[in-house]
Every structure is written in structure tokens, then in C-alpha cells.
Amino acid sequence: MEKSNDSSEYGFILMGFSDRPKLEMVLFIVNFTLYSVAVLGNSAIILVCILDSRLHTPMYFFLANLSFLDLCFSTSCIPQMLVNLWGPDKTISYAGCVVQLFSFLSVGGVECILLAVMAYDRYAAVCKPLHYTVIMHPQLCLRLVAVAWGSGLVNAIVMAPLTMTLSRCGQRRVNHFLCEMPALIKMACVDSRAVEMLAFTFAILIVLLPLTLILVSYGYIAAAVLRIKSAAGRWKAFNTCSSHLTVVSLFYGSIIYMYMQPGNNSSQDQGKFLTLFYNLVTPMLNPLIYTLRNKEVKGALRKVLGRQQ
């Protein structure tokens, strides 16, 4: 398509929270702290899952992948946002915007599907415990992760170029703190309904379909847990799934609110803070959720840190 906006030469201006200059330094401190915790926490999860042989199981294989995705998810935009919050320069190069959009779309798509894969893993563990090792064999685990990565990459390969080639008639100001697809589509000075409909279709396939599979899995899990007669057995089964269910609720709750509604209905500020939530707060909370509720991970961390009793 024609590029009459010269954005490829001059890049974009990420407005972010520049309309609230007094808030920018507060956000810088808070976001830098949360990002540091997210990087340390997810790196620690990946490290213990690799180094501790007791965690070489499907559940922790998927958890290590989730932590890696969270690192990529946050790193795709938070460092750039911190730079823009620190000083008056709010620019991002055209290439930087493309990389940011592609990373955001691909990693976000992979995480949606990986959470569904993890739900299936919990279904097999609770509902088919005697056949768990046969069902979740290493080859299947690798294939499921490959499907998740492939689906996310297809989403980005299709949607990122379509979004970036929309004509913006010289407009360079992005009303967001990152090059996010809805914000870039809203800048278009041409009819973008076809791109919006395609984005909505991908959202159904990558967001709603995996969520449906998660709900079905947990429906079977709930039925299995209710059939357990002992309270201790029910609590053990619930504890097996509670961390994943908490992560799913945090991630999908904000994603669905953002993307599965008409774009003009939500306020810009609300959209920015929701994006910040699932892009930074959720990746920061995930390691804490799994560590605080999981004795095996806590034991592995103590072992790696040299404090094993």
C-alpha cells in the first residue's frame, strides 16, 4: 500500500502518559521495579526447571516455557516505555515499532495457546493419573509447544504487515506507550474494517478457542475432584491446578476485556493501564504465584541458592 506518512523514515511518537507529566516519574519507578521483579522471577523459574532433575516433568517444562514467554512479553515493550518515561523523547523508529508489534502479537498468541496446553496437562494429571506419563510423553509435549509457537508466529506474520502498511496520512503520534495493533489501526486514514475483521477472527482462534478448551478441561477436573471422597484428596487435586487457574484468570481476564469488544467503546487511558497489566503485572505475578503455592519449586529454589537443608 502507499505510504504517504513517511513513518518508515521518521518513525513514530509514542504518546504514552505524556498528557500526565506528573505521573510519568511515578510510573517509571513503579514499572522499573515491577519489570526487575519479573525478570528475576521468571529467570529463576527457568533456571530451577533446567537445573533440578526433579522438575524435569511436563508440568515444569510448560512452566519454563511460560516464564520464557513472560520474559519476552515484557521485554518486547517495557524497556522502550521506560526510556520514554524517563525523558522528553517519546520517539521509536519504524523498525523498532515493527519489531515491537511483531513480538507482541507472536508472544501474546503463543501464551494464550500455551495456557490451554497447560490446562490439558492438569486435566491429564487429575483425571487420568494412572496414565499421565503415557499421555504426556516428551514427544507430545514438544509437539504441543511447537503448535503454540507456530500459531503465535502465524498470527504475527499475517497481522503485523497488514497493520503497518495501513496508510496514516502523515500521522505519527501513537496514543499508547507501545506499538500495539489497535492503536496503530485507529491511526489509519483509510477504511480499515477488513483488517479489523481479520484481527477479530484471529482473536477468536487464538484467544477464545484456547479459553474454551481451558474451561472444558477444568469442567472435567471439577467433576473429577467432586468424586474424590476424602477432603485431603480434594485439596491435593485443587492445589495441583490452583496456580494455573489463577494465572489464566489474570491473563485472559484483561486480554478479553481489551480485544473482544469494539475498539471505540473503551477509553484510551483504560486501555493503556490494562495493556500494562497483562504486559507487566501478570508476568511479574506468575513466578510468585507458582513459587508461593508450590513446594517443589520452593525446594528447587532453595537447592539452587545453596540453602537446602
Protein backbone atom coordinates (compact mmCIF):
# COMPACT_ATOMS: atom_id res chain seq x y z
CA MET A 1 0.00 0.00 0.00
CA GLU A 2 1.01 3.61 -0.40
CA LYS A 3 2.92 5.14 2.50
CA SER A 4 2.23 8.83 2.43
CA ASN A 5 3.10 9.37 6.08
CA ASP A 6 6.90 8.93 5.88
CA SER A 7 6.68 6.84 9.05
CA SER A 8 9.28 4.45 7.64
CA GLU A 9 11.77 7.33 7.62
CA TYR A 10 10.87 9.23 10.79
CA GLY A 11 9.30 6.53 12.94
CA PHE A 12 6.54 7.15 15.46
CA ILE A 13 5.93 9.17 18.60
CA LEU A 14 4.62 7.08 21.49
CA MET A 15 2.42 9.47 23.44
CA GLY A 16 2.01 7.06 26.36
CA PHE A 17 1.23 9.03 29.50
CA SER A 18 2.73 12.34 28.28
CA ASP A 19 -0.60 14.07 28.93
CA ARG A 20 0.09 13.43 32.62
CA PRO A 21 3.71 14.53 33.11
CA LYS A 22 3.49 14.36 36.92
CA LEU A 23 2.52 10.70 36.62
CA GLU A 24 5.44 9.73 34.37
CA MET A 25 8.17 9.59 37.02
CA VAL A 26 5.91 7.63 39.37
CA LEU A 27 5.17 5.18 36.57
CA PHE A 28 8.88 4.93 35.74
CA ILE A 29 9.76 3.92 39.30
CA VAL A 30 6.84 1.50 39.65
CA ASN A 31 7.34 -0.08 36.23
CA PHE A 32 11.11 -0.37 36.62
CA THR A 33 10.58 -2.15 39.94
CA LEU A 34 7.92 -4.49 38.55
CA TYR A 35 9.99 -5.24 35.44
CA SER A 36 13.05 -6.05 37.55
CA VAL A 37 10.99 -8.43 39.70
CA ALA A 38 9.50 -10.02 36.55
CA VAL A 39 12.94 -10.58 35.00
CA LEU A 40 14.44 -12.01 38.19
CA GLY A 41 11.41 -14.16 39.00
CA ASN A 42 10.97 -15.67 35.55
CA SER A 43 14.71 -16.20 35.11
CA ALA A 44 14.77 -18.04 38.44
CA ILE A 45 11.88 -20.30 37.37
CA ILE A 46 13.64 -21.15 34.09
CA LEU A 47 16.91 -21.81 35.93
CA VAL A 48 15.46 -24.18 38.54
CA CYS A 49 13.41 -26.05 35.92
CA ILE A 50 16.62 -26.70 33.98
CA LEU A 51 18.98 -27.45 36.89
CA ASP A 52 16.76 -29.53 39.18
CA SER A 53 16.16 -33.02 37.78
CA ARG A 54 13.04 -33.41 39.95
CA LEU A 55 11.39 -30.72 37.82
CA HIS A 56 12.04 -32.46 34.51
CA THR A 57 8.34 -33.24 34.09
CA PRO A 58 5.74 -31.98 31.59
CA MET A 59 4.24 -29.52 34.08
CA TYR A 60 7.56 -27.76 34.71
CA PHE A 61 8.57 -27.98 31.05
CA PHE A 62 5.47 -25.94 30.24
CA LEU A 63 6.11 -23.65 33.22
CA ALA A 64 9.64 -22.91 31.97
CA ASN A 65 8.19 -22.07 28.55
CA LEU A 66 5.61 -19.79 30.19
CA SER A 67 8.34 -17.97 32.12
CA PHE A 68 10.38 -17.54 28.92
CA LEU A 69 7.30 -16.14 27.17
CA ASP A 70 6.67 -13.74 30.05
CA LEU A 71 10.25 -12.50 29.76
CA CYS A 72 9.81 -11.94 26.02
CA PHE A 73 6.38 -10.38 26.53
CA SER A 74 7.60 -7.74 28.97
CA THR A 75 10.93 -7.13 27.25
CA SER A 76 9.20 -6.50 23.91
CA CYS A 77 7.99 -3.10 25.12
CA ILE A 78 8.77 -2.25 28.76
CA PRO A 79 12.41 -1.10 28.22
CA GLN A 80 11.28 1.25 25.43
CA MET A 81 8.49 2.55 27.65
CA LEU A 82 10.95 3.20 30.50
CA VAL A 83 13.19 5.19 28.14
CA ASN A 84 10.20 7.27 27.01
CA LEU A 85 9.02 7.84 30.58
CA TRP A 86 12.47 8.99 31.70
CA GLY A 87 12.84 11.94 29.35
CA PRO A 88 11.10 14.16 26.82
CA ASP A 89 11.98 11.97 23.82
CA LYS A 90 8.97 9.75 23.02
CA THR A 91 10.08 8.53 19.59
CA ILE A 92 10.53 4.99 18.34
CA SER A 93 11.99 4.09 14.95
CA TYR A 94 9.83 2.48 12.28
CA ALA A 95 11.91 -0.71 12.52
CA GLY A 96 11.61 -0.65 16.31
CA CYS A 97 7.85 -0.31 16.02
CA VAL A 98 7.68 -3.26 13.61
CA VAL A 99 9.77 -5.44 15.91
CA GLN A 100 7.68 -4.41 18.91
CA LEU A 101 4.37 -5.13 17.17
CA PHE A 102 5.59 -8.48 15.78
CA SER A 103 6.97 -9.58 19.16
CA PHE A 104 3.82 -8.50 20.98
CA LEU A 105 1.49 -10.33 18.58
CA SER A 106 3.54 -13.51 18.37
CA VAL A 107 4.39 -13.92 22.05
CA GLY A 108 0.88 -12.96 23.17
CA GLY A 109 -0.60 -15.56 20.81
CA VAL A 110 1.82 -18.25 21.98
CA GLU A 111 0.98 -17.57 25.63
CA CYS A 112 -2.77 -17.89 25.03
CA ILE A 113 -2.32 -21.32 23.47
CA LEU A 114 0.34 -22.45 25.95
CA LEU A 115 -2.07 -21.78 28.83
CA ALA A 116 -4.56 -24.11 27.10
CA VAL A 117 -1.81 -26.75 26.75
CA MET A 118 -1.07 -26.41 30.46
CA ALA A 119 -4.77 -26.87 31.24
CA TYR A 120 -4.75 -30.13 29.25
CA ASP A 121 -1.69 -31.21 31.23
CA ARG A 122 -3.57 -30.57 34.50
CA TYR A 123 -6.60 -32.45 33.13
CA ALA A 124 -4.41 -35.48 32.41
CA ALA A 125 -2.79 -35.27 35.86
CA VAL A 126 -6.10 -35.09 37.77
CA CYS A 127 -8.48 -37.11 35.58
CA LYS A 128 -6.05 -39.73 34.20
CA PRO A 129 -3.40 -40.04 36.93
CA LEU A 130 -2.54 -43.69 36.19
CA HIS A 131 -1.98 -42.94 32.50
CA TYR A 132 -0.41 -39.49 32.94
CA THR A 133 3.14 -40.44 31.96
CA VAL A 134 1.86 -42.34 28.92
CA ILE A 135 -0.40 -39.46 27.78
CA MET A 136 2.05 -36.61 28.40
CA HIS A 137 5.11 -38.22 26.86
CA PRO A 138 8.04 -35.94 25.87
CA GLN A 139 7.28 -36.04 22.14
CA LEU A 140 3.70 -34.85 22.71
CA CYS A 141 4.91 -32.06 24.99
CA LEU A 142 7.34 -30.85 22.33
CA ARG A 143 4.64 -31.00 19.65
CA LEU A 144 2.17 -29.04 21.78
CA VAL A 145 4.74 -26.31 22.47
CA ALA A 146 5.63 -26.25 18.76
CA VAL A 147 1.95 -25.80 17.85
CA ALA A 148 1.71 -22.91 20.33
CA TRP A 149 4.79 -21.18 18.90
CA GLY A 150 3.72 -21.82 15.32
CA SER A 151 0.24 -20.38 15.89
CA GLY A 152 1.60 -17.25 17.54
CA LEU A 153 4.08 -16.69 14.73
CA VAL A 154 1.37 -17.12 12.07
CA ASN A 155 -0.74 -14.51 13.87
CA ALA A 156 2.16 -12.04 13.85
CA ILE A 157 3.27 -12.83 10.28
CA VAL A 158 -0.23 -12.08 8.99
CA MET A 159 -1.35 -9.18 11.19
CA ALA A 160 1.87 -7.17 11.69
CA PRO A 161 2.47 -6.38 7.97
CA LEU A 162 -1.23 -5.63 7.36
CA THR A 163 -1.28 -3.25 10.31
CA MET A 164 1.95 -1.47 9.40
CA THR A 165 1.02 -0.95 5.73
CA LEU A 166 -2.22 0.91 6.52
CA SER A 167 -1.90 4.49 5.29
CA ARG A 168 -1.79 7.04 8.12
CA CYS A 169 -1.62 10.24 6.03
CA GLY A 170 1.37 11.69 7.87
CA GLN A 171 0.14 10.91 11.38
CA ARG A 172 2.98 9.68 13.59
CA ARG A 173 1.54 10.07 17.09
CA VAL A 174 0.55 6.71 18.61
CA ASN A 175 -1.84 7.22 21.53
CA HIS A 176 -0.20 4.44 23.52
CA PHE A 177 3.09 3.56 25.21
CA LEU A 178 3.84 0.81 22.67
CA CYS A 179 3.16 -0.04 19.03
CA GLU A 180 0.03 -2.05 19.76
CA MET A 181 -2.21 -3.23 16.93
CA PRO A 182 -5.49 -1.50 17.97
CA ALA A 183 -3.73 1.84 18.50
CA LEU A 184 -2.00 1.62 15.09
CA ILE A 185 -5.22 0.61 13.31
CA LYS A 186 -7.04 3.62 14.81
CA MET A 187 -4.44 5.91 13.20
CA ALA A 188 -5.37 4.74 9.70
CA CYS A 189 -6.85 7.34 7.34
CA VAL A 190 -8.28 4.61 5.08
CA ASP A 191 -11.01 2.04 5.56
CA SER A 192 -9.53 -0.49 7.99
CA ARG A 193 -12.61 -2.65 8.53
CA ALA A 194 -11.10 -5.62 6.65
CA VAL A 195 -8.02 -5.58 8.88
CA GLU A 196 -10.19 -5.20 11.99
CA MET A 197 -12.35 -8.17 10.98
CA LEU A 198 -9.28 -10.29 10.33
CA ALA A 199 -7.87 -9.27 13.72
CA PHE A 200 -11.19 -10.23 15.34
CA THR A 201 -11.08 -13.62 13.58
CA PHE A 202 -7.57 -14.29 14.86
CA ALA A 203 -8.70 -13.20 18.33
CA ILE A 204 -11.43 -15.85 18.23
CA LEU A 205 -8.95 -18.54 17.13
CA ILE A 206 -6.10 -17.56 19.44
CA VAL A 207 -7.97 -16.16 22.46
CA LEU A 208 -11.48 -17.60 22.64
CA LEU A 209 -10.81 -21.11 21.28
CA PRO A 210 -7.97 -21.84 23.76
CA LEU A 211 -10.08 -20.32 26.54
CA THR A 212 -12.92 -22.68 25.62
CA LEU A 213 -10.51 -25.63 25.81
CA ILE A 214 -9.32 -24.40 29.22
CA LEU A 215 -12.90 -24.17 30.52
CA VAL A 216 -13.73 -27.64 29.19
CA SER A 217 -10.59 -29.08 30.82
CA TYR A 218 -11.45 -27.50 34.15
CA GLY A 219 -15.03 -28.70 33.84
CA TYR A 220 -13.74 -32.29 33.70
CA ILE A 221 -11.27 -31.53 36.52
CA ALA A 222 -14.04 -30.12 38.73
CA ALA A 223 -16.19 -33.20 38.12
CA ALA A 224 -13.24 -35.48 38.98
CA VAL A 225 -12.44 -33.51 42.15
CA LEU A 226 -16.07 -33.72 43.33
CA ARG A 227 -15.91 -37.52 43.02
CA ILE A 228 -12.95 -37.67 45.43
CA LYS A 229 -14.31 -38.70 48.82
CA SER A 230 -11.54 -37.52 51.12
CA ALA A 231 -11.09 -33.83 51.90
CA ALA A 232 -7.30 -34.26 51.74
CA GLY A 233 -7.56 -35.75 48.25
CA ARG A 234 -9.79 -32.91 47.05
CA TRP A 235 -7.42 -30.32 48.47
CA LYS A 236 -4.42 -32.00 46.79
CA ALA A 237 -6.20 -32.03 43.43
CA PHE A 238 -7.27 -28.40 43.85
CA ASN A 239 -3.75 -27.36 44.81
CA THR A 240 -2.43 -29.05 41.67
CA CYS A 241 -4.49 -26.71 39.48
CA SER A 242 -4.91 -23.54 41.54
CA SER A 243 -1.72 -21.79 40.39
CA HIS A 244 -2.50 -22.31 36.71
CA LEU A 245 -6.13 -21.28 37.20
CA THR A 246 -5.03 -18.06 38.90
CA VAL A 247 -2.61 -17.24 36.05
CA VAL A 248 -5.32 -17.96 33.44
CA SER A 249 -7.79 -15.68 35.24
CA LEU A 250 -5.33 -12.78 35.39
CA PHE A 251 -4.11 -13.09 31.81
CA TYR A 252 -7.32 -13.90 29.99
CA GLY A 253 -9.45 -11.51 32.02
CA SER A 254 -7.52 -8.47 30.84
CA ILE A 255 -6.94 -9.79 27.28
CA ILE A 256 -10.63 -10.49 26.64
CA TYR A 257 -11.71 -7.14 28.04
CA MET A 258 -9.22 -5.42 25.74
CA TYR A 259 -9.65 -7.27 22.45
CA MET A 260 -13.06 -8.89 22.36
CA GLN A 261 -15.06 -5.66 22.27
CA PRO A 262 -15.42 -2.84 19.72
CA GLY A 263 -12.35 -0.63 19.90
CA ASN A 264 -14.19 2.67 20.38
CA ASN A 265 -16.01 1.56 23.49
CA SER A 266 -13.08 1.60 25.89
CA SER A 267 -11.29 4.75 26.97
CA GLN A 268 -7.68 5.28 25.91
CA ASP A 269 -6.38 5.53 29.47
CA GLN A 270 -8.22 2.37 30.48
CA GLY A 271 -6.70 0.56 27.52
CA LYS A 272 -3.18 1.70 28.41
CA PHE A 273 -3.43 0.54 32.02
CA LEU A 274 -4.99 -2.78 31.01
CA THR A 275 -2.18 -3.36 28.50
CA LEU A 276 0.32 -2.50 31.20
CA PHE A 277 -1.39 -5.01 33.50
CA TYR A 278 -1.15 -8.06 31.24
CA ASN A 279 2.20 -6.98 29.79
CA LEU A 280 3.97 -6.33 33.09
CA VAL A 281 1.94 -7.11 36.21
CA THR A 282 0.89 -10.60 35.10
CA PRO A 283 4.45 -11.67 34.10
CA MET A 284 5.66 -10.31 37.45
CA LEU A 285 2.98 -12.21 39.42
CA ASN A 286 3.28 -15.56 37.62
CA PRO A 287 6.59 -16.65 39.27
CA LEU A 288 5.27 -15.53 42.67
CA ILE A 289 2.03 -17.49 42.19
CA TYR A 290 3.84 -20.69 41.21
CA THR A 291 6.56 -20.28 43.86
CA LEU A 292 4.32 -19.43 46.81
CA ARG A 293 1.86 -22.24 46.08
CA ASN A 294 4.30 -24.96 45.01
CA LYS A 295 6.53 -26.83 47.45
CA GLU A 296 8.58 -28.45 44.67
CA VAL A 297 9.52 -25.10 43.12
CA LYS A 298 10.35 -23.61 46.53
CA GLY A 299 12.50 -26.64 47.34
CA ALA A 300 14.28 -26.38 44.00
CA LEU A 301 14.93 -22.68 44.55
CA ARG A 302 16.43 -23.36 47.98
CA LYS A 303 18.61 -26.08 46.44
CA VAL A 304 19.84 -23.83 43.63
CA LEU A 305 20.54 -21.00 46.06
CA GLY A 306 22.55 -23.35 48.25
CA ARG A 307 20.19 -23.29 51.23
CA GLN A 308 18.96 -26.86 51.04
CA GLN A 309 18.67 -28.33 54.49
